[in-house]
Amino acid sequence: MIVTIIVLALTGLGVLFAVLRMIIGPASFDRVVALDTLNVIITALIVFLAYYFKSMLYLDIALAYAILSFLETLVFARFLEGRK
């Protein structure tokens, strides 16, 4: 139980720092990297939920979310690359 609380607290701290970087980020590229970091943290949280609830359905959801977040990062990177 203590390990679960520690993992969730550290995950929350990571989400907080990623959101702060998205808001404060001096450049658009910093915001894209923060968004990608946030997506990785959320994917890891979904995998943790799959372990906690012992449900394989969450792993399928995590895989689909990871693929969509990777495509999202590619789209934003291409958009910022073409904007120069």
C-alpha atoms as a PDB file:
ATOM      1  CA  MET A   1       0.000   0.000   0.000  1.00  0.00           C
ATOM      2  CA  ILE A   2       2.840   2.400   0.809  1.00  0.00           C
ATOM      3  CA  VAL A   3       4.517   1.684  -2.527  1.00  0.00           C
ATOM      4  CA  THR A   4       1.283   2.527  -4.365  1.00  0.00           C
ATOM      5  CA  ILE A   5       1.030   5.858  -2.576  1.00  0.00           C
ATOM      6  CA  ILE A   6       4.670   6.673  -3.350  1.00  0.00           C
ATOM      7  CA  VAL A   7       4.243   5.791  -7.033  1.00  0.00           C
ATOM      8  CA  LEU A   8       1.092   7.882  -7.363  1.00  0.00           C
ATOM      9  CA  ALA A   9       2.689  10.831  -5.529  1.00  0.00           C
ATOM     10  CA  LEU A  10       5.747  10.788  -7.790  1.00  0.00           C
ATOM     11  CA  THR A  11       3.538  10.438 -10.852  1.00  0.00           C
ATOM     12  CA  GLY A  12       1.509  13.432  -9.716  1.00  0.00           C
ATOM     13  CA  LEU A  13       4.698  15.410  -9.224  1.00  0.00           C
ATOM     14  CA  GLY A  14       5.814  14.516 -12.743  1.00  0.00           C
ATOM     15  CA  VAL A  15       2.454  15.584 -14.159  1.00  0.00           C
ATOM     16  CA  LEU A  16       2.684  18.866 -12.260  1.00  0.00           C
ATOM     17  CA  PHE A  17       6.150  19.643 -13.647  1.00  0.00           C
ATOM     18  CA  ALA A  18       5.113  18.694 -17.191  1.00  0.00           C
ATOM     19  CA  VAL A  19       2.036  20.927 -17.037  1.00  0.00           C
ATOM     20  CA  LEU A  20       4.122  23.780 -15.658  1.00  0.00           C
ATOM     21  CA  ARG A  21       6.578  23.398 -18.547  1.00  0.00           C
ATOM     22  CA  MET A  22       3.655  23.425 -20.999  1.00  0.00           C
ATOM     23  CA  ILE A  23       2.375  26.677 -19.502  1.00  0.00           C
ATOM     24  CA  ILE A  24       5.688  28.455 -18.859  1.00  0.00           C
ATOM     25  CA  GLY A  25       7.734  26.997 -21.733  1.00  0.00           C
ATOM     26  CA  PRO A  26       9.566  29.804 -23.498  1.00  0.00           C
ATOM     27  CA  ALA A  27       9.368  28.160 -26.925  1.00  0.00           C
ATOM     28  CA  SER A  28       6.827  26.047 -28.749  1.00  0.00           C
ATOM     29  CA  PHE A  29       9.289  23.175 -28.902  1.00  0.00           C
ATOM     30  CA  ASP A  30       9.465  23.126 -25.102  1.00  0.00           C
ATOM     31  CA  ARG A  31       5.701  22.832 -24.987  1.00  0.00           C
ATOM     32  CA  VAL A  32       5.735  19.900 -27.428  1.00  0.00           C
ATOM     33  CA  VAL A  33       8.383  18.099 -25.364  1.00  0.00           C
ATOM     34  CA  ALA A  34       6.347  18.721 -22.198  1.00  0.00           C
ATOM     35  CA  LEU A  35       3.253  17.347 -23.904  1.00  0.00           C
ATOM     36  CA  ASP A  36       5.162  14.250 -24.976  1.00  0.00           C
ATOM     37  CA  THR A  37       6.450  13.808 -21.425  1.00  0.00           C
ATOM     38  CA  LEU A  38       2.918  14.133 -20.093  1.00  0.00           C
ATOM     39  CA  ASN A  39       1.731  11.487 -22.557  1.00  0.00           C
ATOM     40  CA  VAL A  40       4.474   9.091 -21.428  1.00  0.00           C
ATOM     41  CA  ILE A  41       3.517   9.637 -17.790  1.00  0.00           C
ATOM     42  CA  ILE A  42      -0.155   9.003 -18.534  1.00  0.00           C
ATOM     43  CA  THR A  43       0.711   5.832 -20.456  1.00  0.00           C
ATOM     44  CA  ALA A  44       2.782   4.605 -17.514  1.00  0.00           C
ATOM     45  CA  LEU A  45      -0.096   5.412 -15.174  1.00  0.00           C
ATOM     46  CA  ILE A  46      -2.486   3.339 -17.287  1.00  0.00           C
ATOM     47  CA  VAL A  47      -0.013   0.435 -17.194  1.00  0.00           C
ATOM     48  CA  PHE A  48       0.202   0.832 -13.420  1.00  0.00           C
ATOM     49  CA  LEU A  49      -3.599   0.666 -13.246  1.00  0.00           C
ATOM     50  CA  ALA A  50      -3.497  -2.534 -15.296  1.00  0.00           C
ATOM     51  CA  TYR A  51      -1.138  -4.043 -12.736  1.00  0.00           C
ATOM     52  CA  TYR A  52      -3.165  -2.752  -9.782  1.00  0.00           C
ATOM     53  CA  PHE A  53      -6.542  -4.012 -11.048  1.00  0.00           C
ATOM     54  CA  LYS A  54      -5.002  -7.085 -12.738  1.00  0.00           C
ATOM     55  CA  SER A  55      -6.872  -6.374 -15.953  1.00  0.00           C
ATOM     56  CA  MET A  56      -5.385  -6.883 -19.400  1.00  0.00           C
ATOM     57  CA  LEU A  57      -7.872  -4.437 -20.912  1.00  0.00           C
ATOM     58  CA  TYR A  58      -5.893  -1.519 -19.480  1.00  0.00           C
ATOM     59  CA  LEU A  59      -2.787  -2.703 -21.329  1.00  0.00           C
ATOM     60  CA  ASP A  60      -4.681  -2.553 -24.621  1.00  0.00           C
ATOM     61  CA  ILE A  61      -5.848   0.945 -23.754  1.00  0.00           C
ATOM     62  CA  ALA A  62      -2.286   1.963 -22.844  1.00  0.00           C
ATOM     63  CA  LEU A  63      -0.982   0.645 -26.158  1.00  0.00           C
ATOM     64  CA  ALA A  64      -3.636   2.528 -28.145  1.00  0.00           C
ATOM     65  CA  TYR A  65      -2.982   5.695 -26.141  1.00  0.00           C
ATOM     66  CA  ALA A  66       0.775   5.404 -26.685  1.00  0.00           C
ATOM     67  CA  ILE A  67       0.338   5.045 -30.447  1.00  0.00           C
ATOM     68  CA  LEU A  68      -2.036   8.008 -30.629  1.00  0.00           C
ATOM     69  CA  SER A  69       0.200  10.183 -28.468  1.00  0.00           C
ATOM     70  CA  PHE A  70       3.203   9.349 -30.661  1.00  0.00           C
ATOM     71  CA  LEU A  71       1.228  10.410 -33.729  1.00  0.00           C
ATOM     72  CA  GLU A  72       0.153  13.570 -31.915  1.00  0.00           C
ATOM     73  CA  THR A  73       3.774  14.447 -31.211  1.00  0.00           C
ATOM     74  CA  LEU A  74       4.691  13.847 -34.852  1.00  0.00           C
ATOM     75  CA  VAL A  75       1.890  16.116 -36.045  1.00  0.00           C
ATOM     76  CA  PHE A  76       2.904  18.935 -33.712  1.00  0.00           C
ATOM     77  CA  ALA A  77       6.580  18.568 -34.672  1.00  0.00           C
ATOM     78  CA  ARG A  78       5.749  18.698 -38.390  1.00  0.00           C
ATOM     79  CA  PHE A  79       3.530  21.711 -37.811  1.00  0.00           C
ATOM     80  CA  LEU A  80       6.274  23.573 -35.940  1.00  0.00           C
ATOM     81  CA  GLU A  81       8.876  22.552 -38.509  1.00  0.00           C
ATOM     82  CA  GLY A  82       6.825  23.951 -41.385  1.00  0.00           C
ATOM     83  CA  ARG A  83       6.079  27.178 -39.538  1.00  0.00           C
ATOM     84  CA  LYS A  84       9.672  28.468 -39.716  1.00  0.00           C
END
